[in-house]
Amino acid sequence: MTADCTHVFLGMKAVIASETMRDLMTLAERVARSNATVLILGESGSGKEVLARAIHHFSGRSQKPWVDLNCGALPEHLIESELFGYDRGAFSGANNNKPGLFELAHQGTIFLDEIAELEMKMQVKLLRVLDGVPYYRLGGVKKVSVDVRIVAATNQELETAVSQGRFRSDLYHRLTQITLRVPPLRERVQDIAPLATHFLALHDPSLRFSPAAIDVLVRHSWPGNIRELRNVVMRAAVLSVQDEIRPEDLPLQTASPEPASSLSSTSIEGMERKMIFDALHSTNGHQQKAAAKLGISRRTLSRKLKVYDSGLTEVAL
């Protein structure tokens, strides 16, 4: 992975190696110069938030606030108070005035992830804000006006939600002034190896992938996209007993079906743990000798022991 593959948008690192993603980022940079509302489509874990952050980064609002909210993470009544704020006494427990996220994002960008999860009542209020209409905080008596650029994202097809009556058509058309689609990882295989190498370096810079392991990663379909890749790499880094990650270290189902009698990953982990502790017992807890006996480095053994921290009391080190 070359150095120019890695970019940082609002503190979030992005690895962009494929021509597809480079073209998308070029388009995002052009879009960022406008104040148009942007809807980002893409599968879960494909990198929609990175693209949203890039839009803010490249925009004229980059020195102003960036605020984000997952619309599917909170119930409706909390979403309303989070977005629009509340005044003291608005409800039980509202002991102070609280500005909403729109106020906090004034002159900046607000990112609304999982926009399809918004309830109809909230869709109406959001549409009014998009149209520049001042609003009240919950329990408030003074209208609030904000200047905010909205970037929204969803892994659902909003057109289908509109046809099914789950999403307002007027809000849909207001959100889609510009629509960008992040392709799934399986459609940009050039990004897989650089991303995997990046995630591995975050965990342990001294580890590396074997060419065969890279081949397995590239051939996998990645239904969970970048999030799945990150988890697979982290798990392989923790469980590998070598300094090089090999295909058998990757918790993936390969093209060749495993025999019914094959061990589960849990039993493999247990077997590995037993081998390590047996080696330590046989060498009276001498880690260098135990590592030599296992055919691994002293550093790798130490890393494994940190993972098995709960069992260290059984071994005299």
C-alpha atoms as a PDB file:
ATOM      1  CA  MET A   1       0.000   0.000   0.000  1.00  0.00           C
ATOM      2  CA  THR A   2       1.433   3.324  -1.021  1.00  0.00           C
ATOM      3  CA  ALA A   3       1.298   6.325   1.227  1.00  0.00           C
ATOM      4  CA  ASP A   4      -1.092   8.232  -1.073  1.00  0.00           C
ATOM      5  CA  CYS A   5      -3.747   5.554  -0.505  1.00  0.00           C
ATOM      6  CA  THR A   6      -4.388   6.885   2.992  1.00  0.00           C
ATOM      7  CA  HIS A   7      -6.378  10.041   3.622  1.00  0.00           C
ATOM      8  CA  VAL A   8      -7.757  11.548   6.816  1.00  0.00           C
ATOM      9  CA  PHE A   9     -11.173  13.191   6.951  1.00  0.00           C
ATOM     10  CA  LEU A  10     -12.114  14.732  10.309  1.00  0.00           C
ATOM     11  CA  GLY A  11      -9.860  12.307  12.134  1.00  0.00           C
ATOM     12  CA  MET A  12     -11.164   9.232  10.294  1.00  0.00           C
ATOM     13  CA  LYS A  13      -8.606   7.430   8.121  1.00  0.00           C
ATOM     14  CA  ALA A  14      -9.698   6.347   4.655  1.00  0.00           C
ATOM     15  CA  VAL A  15      -7.761   3.961   2.425  1.00  0.00           C
ATOM     16  CA  ILE A  16      -8.565   4.716  -1.208  1.00  0.00           C
ATOM     17  CA  ALA A  17      -6.697   2.645  -3.775  1.00  0.00           C
ATOM     18  CA  SER A  18      -9.214   1.610  -6.442  1.00  0.00           C
ATOM     19  CA  GLU A  19      -9.980   3.754  -9.459  1.00  0.00           C
ATOM     20  CA  THR A  20     -13.684   3.512  -8.566  1.00  0.00           C
ATOM     21  CA  MET A  21     -13.193   5.084  -5.147  1.00  0.00           C
ATOM     22  CA  ARG A  22     -10.730   7.681  -6.434  1.00  0.00           C
ATOM     23  CA  ASP A  23     -13.318   8.775  -8.987  1.00  0.00           C
ATOM     24  CA  LEU A  24     -15.998   8.886  -6.281  1.00  0.00           C
ATOM     25  CA  MET A  25     -13.808  11.067  -4.067  1.00  0.00           C
ATOM     26  CA  THR A  26     -13.133  13.392  -7.000  1.00  0.00           C
ATOM     27  CA  LEU A  27     -16.876  13.697  -7.502  1.00  0.00           C
ATOM     28  CA  ALA A  28     -17.394  14.284  -3.763  1.00  0.00           C
ATOM     29  CA  GLU A  29     -14.858  17.112  -3.870  1.00  0.00           C
ATOM     30  CA  ARG A  30     -16.826  18.796  -6.667  1.00  0.00           C
ATOM     31  CA  VAL A  31     -20.126  18.274  -4.860  1.00  0.00           C
ATOM     32  CA  ALA A  32     -18.641  19.679  -1.645  1.00  0.00           C
ATOM     33  CA  ARG A  33     -18.177  23.109  -3.212  1.00  0.00           C
ATOM     34  CA  SER A  34     -21.943  23.565  -3.406  1.00  0.00           C
ATOM     35  CA  ASN A  35     -24.475  23.780  -0.582  1.00  0.00           C
ATOM     36  CA  ALA A  36     -26.646  21.055  -2.098  1.00  0.00           C
ATOM     37  CA  THR A  37     -28.165  18.417   0.154  1.00  0.00           C
ATOM     38  CA  VAL A  38     -26.476  15.063  -0.478  1.00  0.00           C
ATOM     39  CA  LEU A  39     -27.890  11.564  -0.087  1.00  0.00           C
ATOM     40  CA  ILE A  40     -25.306   8.778   0.140  1.00  0.00           C
ATOM     41  CA  LEU A  41     -26.464   5.264  -0.705  1.00  0.00           C
ATOM     42  CA  GLY A  42     -24.612   2.027  -0.074  1.00  0.00           C
ATOM     43  CA  GLU A  43     -24.578  -1.246   1.796  1.00  0.00           C
ATOM     44  CA  SER A  44     -23.920  -1.339   5.514  1.00  0.00           C
ATOM     45  CA  GLY A  45     -20.214  -1.065   6.265  1.00  0.00           C
ATOM     46  CA  SER A  46     -19.254   0.124   2.786  1.00  0.00           C
ATOM     47  CA  GLY A  47     -17.871   3.503   3.882  1.00  0.00           C
ATOM     48  CA  LYS A  48     -20.751   5.980   3.624  1.00  0.00           C
ATOM     49  CA  GLU A  49     -19.609   7.974   6.667  1.00  0.00           C
ATOM     50  CA  VAL A  50     -16.118   8.371   5.234  1.00  0.00           C
ATOM     51  CA  LEU A  51     -17.631   9.873   2.093  1.00  0.00           C
ATOM     52  CA  ALA A  52     -19.838  12.197   4.167  1.00  0.00           C
ATOM     53  CA  ARG A  53     -16.821  13.376   6.150  1.00  0.00           C
ATOM     54  CA  ALA A  54     -14.904  13.935   2.908  1.00  0.00           C
ATOM     55  CA  ILE A  55     -17.704  16.183   1.635  1.00  0.00           C
ATOM     56  CA  HIS A  56     -17.453  18.336   4.768  1.00  0.00           C
ATOM     57  CA  HIS A  57     -13.647  18.278   4.582  1.00  0.00           C
ATOM     58  CA  PHE A  58     -13.618  19.599   1.013  1.00  0.00           C
ATOM     59  CA  SER A  59     -16.419  22.127   1.551  1.00  0.00           C
ATOM     60  CA  GLY A  60     -16.301  25.804   2.396  1.00  0.00           C
ATOM     61  CA  ARG A  61     -17.750  24.794   5.766  1.00  0.00           C
ATOM     62  CA  SER A  62     -14.742  22.680   6.725  1.00  0.00           C
ATOM     63  CA  GLN A  63     -13.726  25.050   9.528  1.00  0.00           C
ATOM     64  CA  LYS A  64     -17.249  25.020  10.942  1.00  0.00           C
ATOM     65  CA  PRO A  65     -18.883  22.269  13.038  1.00  0.00           C
ATOM     66  CA  TRP A  66     -19.419  18.699  11.893  1.00  0.00           C
ATOM     67  CA  VAL A  67     -22.232  16.923  13.745  1.00  0.00           C
ATOM     68  CA  ASP A  68     -23.480  13.388  13.124  1.00  0.00           C
ATOM     69  CA  LEU A  69     -26.447  11.338  14.298  1.00  0.00           C
ATOM     70  CA  ASN A  70     -27.515   7.749  13.653  1.00  0.00           C
ATOM     71  CA  CYS A  71     -31.268   8.054  13.146  1.00  0.00           C
ATOM     72  CA  GLY A  72     -31.785   4.361  13.857  1.00  0.00           C
ATOM     73  CA  ALA A  73     -30.041   4.388  17.224  1.00  0.00           C
ATOM     74  CA  LEU A  74     -32.588   6.400  19.235  1.00  0.00           C
ATOM     75  CA  PRO A  75     -36.372   6.259  19.737  1.00  0.00           C
ATOM     76  CA  GLU A  76     -38.495   8.993  18.153  1.00  0.00           C
ATOM     77  CA  HIS A  77     -38.885  11.187  21.250  1.00  0.00           C
ATOM     78  CA  LEU A  78     -35.129  11.226  21.828  1.00  0.00           C
ATOM     79  CA  ILE A  79     -34.376  11.898  18.164  1.00  0.00           C
ATOM     80  CA  GLU A  80     -36.552  15.031  18.346  1.00  0.00           C
ATOM     81  CA  SER A  81     -34.828  16.390  21.448  1.00  0.00           C
ATOM     82  CA  GLU A  82     -31.391  15.543  20.023  1.00  0.00           C
ATOM     83  CA  LEU A  83     -32.016  17.295  16.715  1.00  0.00           C
ATOM     84  CA  PHE A  84     -34.032  20.286  17.904  1.00  0.00           C
ATOM     85  CA  GLY A  85     -33.052  20.625  21.566  1.00  0.00           C
ATOM     86  CA  TYR A  86     -35.313  21.576  24.443  1.00  0.00           C
ATOM     87  CA  ASP A  87     -35.906  24.338  26.960  1.00  0.00           C
ATOM     88  CA  ARG A  88     -35.894  23.933  30.701  1.00  0.00           C
ATOM     89  CA  GLY A  89     -39.115  22.365  31.947  1.00  0.00           C
ATOM     90  CA  ALA A  90     -40.065  20.872  28.565  1.00  0.00           C
ATOM     91  CA  PHE A  91     -40.396  17.466  30.210  1.00  0.00           C
ATOM     92  CA  SER A  92     -39.464  15.679  33.413  1.00  0.00           C
ATOM     93  CA  GLY A  93     -35.706  15.861  33.839  1.00  0.00           C
ATOM     94  CA  ALA A  94     -35.241  18.864  31.545  1.00  0.00           C
ATOM     95  CA  ASN A  95     -33.504  20.977  34.177  1.00  0.00           C
ATOM     96  CA  ASN A  96     -31.576  23.167  31.753  1.00  0.00           C
ATOM     97  CA  ASN A  97     -31.844  24.488  28.224  1.00  0.00           C
ATOM     98  CA  LYS A  98     -30.176  22.188  25.692  1.00  0.00           C
ATOM     99  CA  PRO A  99     -29.378  23.242  22.121  1.00  0.00           C
ATOM    100  CA  GLY A 100     -30.156  20.646  19.474  1.00  0.00           C
ATOM    101  CA  LEU A 101     -27.725  19.215  16.951  1.00  0.00           C
ATOM    102  CA  PHE A 102     -28.969  21.599  14.270  1.00  0.00           C
ATOM    103  CA  GLU A 103     -27.975  24.541  16.447  1.00  0.00           C
ATOM    104  CA  LEU A 104     -24.622  22.963  17.227  1.00  0.00           C
ATOM    105  CA  ALA A 105     -24.008  22.439  13.499  1.00  0.00           C
ATOM    106  CA  HIS A 106     -24.830  26.071  12.587  1.00  0.00           C
ATOM    107  CA  GLN A 107     -22.844  27.108   9.489  1.00  0.00           C
ATOM    108  CA  GLY A 108     -21.415  23.596   9.324  1.00  0.00           C
ATOM    109  CA  THR A 109     -22.613  20.124   8.285  1.00  0.00           C
ATOM    110  CA  ILE A 110     -24.957  17.653   9.930  1.00  0.00           C
ATOM    111  CA  PHE A 111     -24.729  14.007   8.885  1.00  0.00           C
ATOM    112  CA  LEU A 112     -27.905  11.970   9.347  1.00  0.00           C
ATOM    113  CA  ASP A 113     -27.058   8.303   9.013  1.00  0.00           C
ATOM    114  CA  GLU A 114     -29.803   5.692   8.504  1.00  0.00           C
ATOM    115  CA  ILE A 115     -32.183   8.440   7.405  1.00  0.00           C
ATOM    116  CA  ALA A 116     -34.784   5.858   6.334  1.00  0.00           C
ATOM    117  CA  GLU A 117     -35.388   5.020  10.008  1.00  0.00           C
ATOM    118  CA  LEU A 118     -36.912   8.453  10.762  1.00  0.00           C
ATOM    119  CA  GLU A 119     -40.572   8.345  11.809  1.00  0.00           C
ATOM    120  CA  MET A 120     -43.088  10.287   9.699  1.00  0.00           C
ATOM    121  CA  LYS A 121     -43.475  13.051  12.302  1.00  0.00           C
ATOM    122  CA  MET A 122     -39.736  13.668  12.281  1.00  0.00           C
ATOM    123  CA  GLN A 123     -39.641  13.575   8.490  1.00  0.00           C
ATOM    124  CA  VAL A 124     -42.081  16.515   8.431  1.00  0.00           C
ATOM    125  CA  LYS A 125     -39.959  18.558  10.872  1.00  0.00           C
ATOM    126  CA  LEU A 126     -36.775  17.736   8.946  1.00  0.00           C
ATOM    127  CA  LEU A 127     -38.377  18.832   5.675  1.00  0.00           C
ATOM    128  CA  ARG A 128     -39.299  22.191   7.192  1.00  0.00           C
ATOM    129  CA  VAL A 129     -35.703  22.739   8.358  1.00  0.00           C
ATOM    130  CA  LEU A 130     -34.453  21.832   4.884  1.00  0.00           C
ATOM    131  CA  ASP A 131     -36.801  24.462   3.487  1.00  0.00           C
ATOM    132  CA  GLY A 132     -35.265  27.047   5.814  1.00  0.00           C
ATOM    133  CA  VAL A 133     -38.252  27.363   8.140  1.00  0.00           C
ATOM    134  CA  PRO A 134     -37.328  28.341  11.741  1.00  0.00           C
ATOM    135  CA  TYR A 135     -38.343  25.851  14.421  1.00  0.00           C
ATOM    136  CA  TYR A 136     -38.976  25.701  18.157  1.00  0.00           C
ATOM    137  CA  ARG A 137     -36.990  23.703  20.653  1.00  0.00           C
ATOM    138  CA  LEU A 138     -39.156  21.290  22.624  1.00  0.00           C
ATOM    139  CA  GLY A 139     -41.010  23.413  25.153  1.00  0.00           C
ATOM    140  CA  GLY A 140     -39.494  26.542  23.675  1.00  0.00           C
ATOM    141  CA  VAL A 141     -41.166  29.862  22.913  1.00  0.00           C
ATOM    142  CA  LYS A 142     -38.496  31.365  20.677  1.00  0.00           C
ATOM    143  CA  LYS A 143     -37.922  30.219  17.127  1.00  0.00           C
ATOM    144  CA  VAL A 144     -34.488  29.017  16.086  1.00  0.00           C
ATOM    145  CA  SER A 145     -32.997  29.642  12.633  1.00  0.00           C
ATOM    146  CA  VAL A 146     -29.978  27.705  11.434  1.00  0.00           C
ATOM    147  CA  ASP A 147     -27.738  27.534   8.383  1.00  0.00           C
ATOM    148  CA  VAL A 148     -26.785  23.887   8.044  1.00  0.00           C
ATOM    149  CA  ARG A 149     -25.750  21.675   5.168  1.00  0.00           C
ATOM    150  CA  ILE A 150     -27.389  18.240   5.423  1.00  0.00           C
ATOM    151  CA  VAL A 151     -25.724  15.043   4.259  1.00  0.00           C
ATOM    152  CA  ALA A 152     -27.832  11.924   4.754  1.00  0.00           C
ATOM    153  CA  ALA A 153     -27.128   8.237   4.227  1.00  0.00           C
ATOM    154  CA  THR A 154     -29.024   4.972   4.069  1.00  0.00           C
ATOM    155  CA  ASN A 155     -28.506   1.345   3.138  1.00  0.00           C
ATOM    156  CA  GLN A 156     -32.135   1.127   1.985  1.00  0.00           C
ATOM    157  CA  GLU A 157     -33.674   1.998  -1.365  1.00  0.00           C
ATOM    158  CA  LEU A 158     -35.630   5.136  -0.485  1.00  0.00           C
ATOM    159  CA  GLU A 159     -37.674   4.975  -3.673  1.00  0.00           C
ATOM    160  CA  THR A 160     -39.104   1.680  -2.439  1.00  0.00           C
ATOM    161  CA  ALA A 161     -39.769   3.195   0.987  1.00  0.00           C
ATOM    162  CA  VAL A 162     -41.624   6.059  -0.719  1.00  0.00           C
ATOM    163  CA  SER A 163     -43.767   3.682  -2.784  1.00  0.00           C
ATOM    164  CA  GLN A 164     -44.592   1.725   0.371  1.00  0.00           C
ATOM    165  CA  GLY A 165     -45.614   4.869   2.246  1.00  0.00           C
ATOM    166  CA  ARG A 166     -42.742   4.641   4.765  1.00  0.00           C
ATOM    167  CA  PHE A 167     -40.917   7.733   3.548  1.00  0.00           C
ATOM    168  CA  ARG A 168     -42.300  11.063   2.380  1.00  0.00           C
ATOM    169  CA  SER A 169     -41.849  11.701  -1.322  1.00  0.00           C
ATOM    170  CA  ASP A 170     -41.350  15.456  -0.784  1.00  0.00           C
ATOM    171  CA  LEU A 171     -38.527  14.794   1.689  1.00  0.00           C
ATOM    172  CA  TYR A 172     -37.028  12.224  -0.655  1.00  0.00           C
ATOM    173  CA  HIS A 173     -36.867  14.742  -3.493  1.00  0.00           C
ATOM    174  CA  ARG A 174     -35.443  17.391  -1.135  1.00  0.00           C
ATOM    175  CA  LEU A 175     -32.699  15.040   0.068  1.00  0.00           C
ATOM    176  CA  THR A 176     -31.684  13.867  -3.391  1.00  0.00           C
ATOM    177  CA  GLN A 177     -30.452  17.120  -4.850  1.00  0.00           C
ATOM    178  CA  ILE A 178     -27.218  15.144  -5.204  1.00  0.00           C
ATOM    179  CA  THR A 179     -27.084  11.354  -4.833  1.00  0.00           C
ATOM    180  CA  LEU A 180     -23.830   9.446  -4.429  1.00  0.00           C
ATOM    181  CA  ARG A 181     -23.546   5.672  -4.202  1.00  0.00           C
ATOM    182  CA  VAL A 182     -20.673   3.919  -2.424  1.00  0.00           C
ATOM    183  CA  PRO A 183     -19.969   0.585  -4.151  1.00  0.00           C
ATOM    184  CA  PRO A 184     -19.656  -2.535  -1.983  1.00  0.00           C
ATOM    185  CA  LEU A 185     -16.175  -3.854  -1.317  1.00  0.00           C
ATOM    186  CA  ARG A 186     -16.655  -6.810  -3.693  1.00  0.00           C
ATOM    187  CA  GLU A 187     -16.956  -4.323  -6.553  1.00  0.00           C
ATOM    188  CA  ARG A 188     -13.657  -2.593  -5.741  1.00  0.00           C
ATOM    189  CA  VAL A 189     -11.257  -5.442  -5.123  1.00  0.00           C
ATOM    190  CA  GLN A 190      -8.260  -3.119  -5.523  1.00  0.00           C
ATOM    191  CA  ASP A 191      -9.114  -1.683  -2.111  1.00  0.00           C
ATOM    192  CA  ILE A 192      -9.131  -5.013  -0.259  1.00  0.00           C
ATOM    193  CA  ALA A 193      -5.393  -5.638   0.132  1.00  0.00           C
ATOM    194  CA  PRO A 194      -4.529  -2.005   1.078  1.00  0.00           C
ATOM    195  CA  LEU A 195      -7.381  -1.906   3.587  1.00  0.00           C
ATOM    196  CA  ALA A 196      -6.382  -5.249   5.110  1.00  0.00           C
ATOM    197  CA  THR A 197      -2.748  -4.132   5.367  1.00  0.00           C
ATOM    198  CA  HIS A 198      -3.858  -0.879   6.990  1.00  0.00           C
ATOM    199  CA  PHE A 199      -5.977  -2.672   9.608  1.00  0.00           C
ATOM    200  CA  LEU A 200      -3.187  -5.141  10.325  1.00  0.00           C
ATOM    201  CA  ALA A 201      -0.674  -2.321  10.859  1.00  0.00           C
ATOM    202  CA  LEU A 202      -3.060  -0.677  13.321  1.00  0.00           C
ATOM    203  CA  HIS A 203      -3.037  -3.842  15.414  1.00  0.00           C
ATOM    204  CA  ASP A 204       0.620  -4.849  15.069  1.00  0.00           C
ATOM    205  CA  PRO A 205       2.958  -3.163  12.532  1.00  0.00           C
ATOM    206  CA  SER A 206       5.375  -6.108  12.645  1.00  0.00           C
ATOM    207  CA  LEU A 207       2.814  -8.573  11.284  1.00  0.00           C
ATOM    208  CA  ARG A 208       2.343  -9.181   7.577  1.00  0.00           C
ATOM    209  CA  PHE A 209       0.118 -11.144   5.204  1.00  0.00           C
ATOM    210  CA  SER A 210       1.442 -13.990   3.091  1.00  0.00           C
ATOM    211  CA  PRO A 211       0.680 -13.703  -0.659  1.00  0.00           C
ATOM    212  CA  ALA A 212      -1.667 -16.675  -0.300  1.00  0.00           C
ATOM    213  CA  ALA A 213      -3.574 -14.919   2.500  1.00  0.00           C
ATOM    214  CA  ILE A 214      -3.949 -11.788   0.383  1.00  0.00           C
ATOM    215  CA  ASP A 215      -5.310 -13.971  -2.417  1.00  0.00           C
ATOM    216  CA  VAL A 216      -7.925 -15.443  -0.057  1.00  0.00           C
ATOM    217  CA  LEU A 217      -8.936 -11.972   1.113  1.00  0.00           C
ATOM    218  CA  VAL A 218      -9.291 -10.661  -2.434  1.00  0.00           C
ATOM    219  CA  ARG A 219     -11.422 -13.625  -3.509  1.00  0.00           C
ATOM    220  CA  HIS A 220     -13.851 -13.326  -0.569  1.00  0.00           C
ATOM    221  CA  SER A 221     -17.217 -11.684  -1.356  1.00  0.00           C
ATOM    222  CA  TRP A 222     -17.293  -9.521   1.833  1.00  0.00           C
ATOM    223  CA  PRO A 223     -21.053  -9.294   2.468  1.00  0.00           C
ATOM    224  CA  GLY A 224     -20.249  -7.184   5.553  1.00  0.00           C
ATOM    225  CA  ASN A 225     -17.948  -4.936   3.522  1.00  0.00           C
ATOM    226  CA  ILE A 226     -15.167  -2.945   5.247  1.00  0.00           C
ATOM    227  CA  ARG A 227     -16.527  -3.622   8.728  1.00  0.00           C
ATOM    228  CA  GLU A 228     -16.304  -7.378   8.111  1.00  0.00           C
ATOM    229  CA  LEU A 229     -12.789  -7.058   6.673  1.00  0.00           C
ATOM    230  CA  ARG A 230     -11.592  -5.099   9.706  1.00  0.00           C
ATOM    231  CA  ASN A 231     -12.979  -7.719  12.089  1.00  0.00           C
ATOM    232  CA  VAL A 232     -11.441 -10.596  10.138  1.00  0.00           C
ATOM    233  CA  VAL A 233      -8.024  -8.915  10.117  1.00  0.00           C
ATOM    234  CA  MET A 234      -8.132  -8.084  13.831  1.00  0.00           C
ATOM    235  CA  ARG A 235      -9.134 -11.648  14.716  1.00  0.00           C
ATOM    236  CA  ALA A 236      -6.395 -13.135  12.533  1.00  0.00           C
ATOM    237  CA  ALA A 237      -3.808 -10.805  14.071  1.00  0.00           C
ATOM    238  CA  VAL A 238      -4.761 -11.845  17.593  1.00  0.00           C
ATOM    239  CA  LEU A 239      -4.908 -15.580  16.937  1.00  0.00           C
ATOM    240  CA  SER A 240      -1.983 -16.080  14.569  1.00  0.00           C
ATOM    241  CA  VAL A 241       0.996 -17.904  16.098  1.00  0.00           C
ATOM    242  CA  GLN A 242       3.340 -16.723  13.326  1.00  0.00           C
ATOM    243  CA  ASP A 243       4.608 -13.309  12.298  1.00  0.00           C
ATOM    244  CA  GLU A 244       2.991 -13.901   8.909  1.00  0.00           C
ATOM    245  CA  ILE A 245      -0.775 -14.224   8.517  1.00  0.00           C
ATOM    246  CA  ARG A 246      -1.529 -17.324   6.438  1.00  0.00           C
ATOM    247  CA  PRO A 247      -4.808 -18.467   4.809  1.00  0.00           C
ATOM    248  CA  GLU A 248      -5.527 -20.862   7.661  1.00  0.00           C
ATOM    249  CA  ASP A 249      -5.318 -17.930  10.112  1.00  0.00           C
ATOM    250  CA  LEU A 250      -8.206 -16.123   8.422  1.00  0.00           C
ATOM    251  CA  PRO A 251     -11.648 -16.832   9.915  1.00  0.00           C
ATOM    252  CA  LEU A 252     -13.245 -17.115   6.476  1.00  0.00           C
ATOM    253  CA  GLN A 253     -15.112 -19.843   4.681  1.00  0.00           C
ATOM    254  CA  THR A 254     -13.030 -20.672   1.629  1.00  0.00           C
ATOM    255  CA  ALA A 255     -14.286 -21.996  -1.673  1.00  0.00           C
ATOM    256  CA  SER A 256     -13.404 -25.590  -0.714  1.00  0.00           C
ATOM    257  CA  PRO A 257     -15.967 -26.973   1.749  1.00  0.00           C
ATOM    258  CA  GLU A 258     -14.556 -28.167   5.021  1.00  0.00           C
ATOM    259  CA  PRO A 259     -15.178 -31.795   5.988  1.00  0.00           C
ATOM    260  CA  ALA A 260     -17.924 -32.355   8.513  1.00  0.00           C
ATOM    261  CA  SER A 261     -15.376 -33.536  11.061  1.00  0.00           C
ATOM    262  CA  SER A 262     -13.317 -30.324  10.888  1.00  0.00           C
ATOM    263  CA  LEU A 263     -12.745 -28.469  14.137  1.00  0.00           C
ATOM    264  CA  SER A 264     -14.709 -25.345  14.935  1.00  0.00           C
ATOM    265  CA  SER A 265     -12.809 -22.083  15.352  1.00  0.00           C
ATOM    266  CA  THR A 266     -13.513 -22.257  19.090  1.00  0.00           C
ATOM    267  CA  SER A 267     -11.874 -25.674  19.380  1.00  0.00           C
ATOM    268  CA  ILE A 268      -8.923 -24.500  17.314  1.00  0.00           C
ATOM    269  CA  GLU A 269      -8.438 -21.575  19.679  1.00  0.00           C
ATOM    270  CA  GLY A 270      -8.655 -23.902  22.652  1.00  0.00           C
ATOM    271  CA  MET A 271      -6.124 -26.244  21.062  1.00  0.00           C
ATOM    272  CA  GLU A 272      -3.734 -23.371  20.402  1.00  0.00           C
ATOM    273  CA  ARG A 273      -4.078 -22.127  23.971  1.00  0.00           C
ATOM    274  CA  LYS A 274      -3.395 -25.625  25.331  1.00  0.00           C
ATOM    275  CA  MET A 275      -0.276 -26.004  23.160  1.00  0.00           C
ATOM    276  CA  ILE A 276       1.089 -22.688  24.403  1.00  0.00           C
ATOM    277  CA  PHE A 277       0.504 -23.419  28.070  1.00  0.00           C
ATOM    278  CA  ASP A 278       1.823 -26.989  27.696  1.00  0.00           C
ATOM    279  CA  ALA A 279       5.018 -25.562  26.193  1.00  0.00           C
ATOM    280  CA  LEU A 280       5.340 -23.064  29.044  1.00  0.00           C
ATOM    281  CA  HIS A 281       4.840 -25.779  31.649  1.00  0.00           C
ATOM    282  CA  SER A 282       7.385 -28.045  29.964  1.00  0.00           C
ATOM    283  CA  THR A 283       9.979 -25.253  30.029  1.00  0.00           C
ATOM    284  CA  ASN A 284       9.140 -24.215  33.591  1.00  0.00           C
ATOM    285  CA  GLY A 285       7.644 -20.951  32.348  1.00  0.00           C
ATOM    286  CA  HIS A 286      10.690 -19.921  30.272  1.00  0.00           C
ATOM    287  CA  GLN A 287       9.106 -17.941  27.456  1.00  0.00           C
ATOM    288  CA  GLN A 288      12.106 -17.912  25.111  1.00  0.00           C
ATOM    289  CA  LYS A 289      12.442 -21.705  25.300  1.00  0.00           C
ATOM    290  CA  ALA A 290       8.683 -22.174  24.978  1.00  0.00           C
ATOM    291  CA  ALA A 291       8.614 -19.966  21.885  1.00  0.00           C
ATOM    292  CA  ALA A 292      11.445 -21.966  20.322  1.00  0.00           C
ATOM    293  CA  LYS A 293       9.617 -25.205  21.094  1.00  0.00           C
ATOM    294  CA  LEU A 294       6.450 -23.845  19.438  1.00  0.00           C
ATOM    295  CA  GLY A 295       8.341 -22.496  16.436  1.00  0.00           C
ATOM    296  CA  ILE A 296       7.246 -18.914  17.015  1.00  0.00           C
ATOM    297  CA  SER A 297       8.990 -15.743  18.083  1.00  0.00           C
ATOM    298  CA  ARG A 298       9.228 -14.564  21.685  1.00  0.00           C
ATOM    299  CA  ARG A 299       7.271 -11.458  20.690  1.00  0.00           C
ATOM    300  CA  THR A 300       4.445 -13.521  19.202  1.00  0.00           C
ATOM    301  CA  LEU A 301       4.264 -15.620  22.350  1.00  0.00           C
ATOM    302  CA  SER A 302       4.033 -12.496  24.501  1.00  0.00           C
ATOM    303  CA  ARG A 303       1.246 -11.183  22.310  1.00  0.00           C
ATOM    304  CA  LYS A 304      -0.643 -14.465  22.685  1.00  0.00           C
ATOM    305  CA  LEU A 305      -0.238 -14.421  26.434  1.00  0.00           C
ATOM    306  CA  LYS A 306      -1.794 -10.984  26.613  1.00  0.00           C
ATOM    307  CA  VAL A 307      -4.847 -12.426  24.866  1.00  0.00           C
ATOM    308  CA  TYR A 308      -4.911 -15.323  27.338  1.00  0.00           C
ATOM    309  CA  ASP A 309      -4.428 -12.953  30.261  1.00  0.00           C
ATOM    310  CA  SER A 310      -7.112 -14.682  32.323  1.00  0.00           C
ATOM    311  CA  GLY A 311      -5.063 -17.864  32.319  1.00  0.00           C
ATOM    312  CA  LEU A 312      -1.692 -16.395  33.212  1.00  0.00           C
ATOM    313  CA  THR A 313      -2.130 -17.140  36.909  1.00  0.00           C
ATOM    314  CA  GLU A 314      -1.828 -20.824  36.078  1.00  0.00           C
ATOM    315  CA  VAL A 315       1.691 -20.401  34.751  1.00  0.00           C
ATOM    316  CA  ALA A 316       4.798 -19.481  36.711  1.00  0.00           C
ATOM    317  CA  LEU A 317       6.389 -16.758  34.593  1.00  0.00           C
END
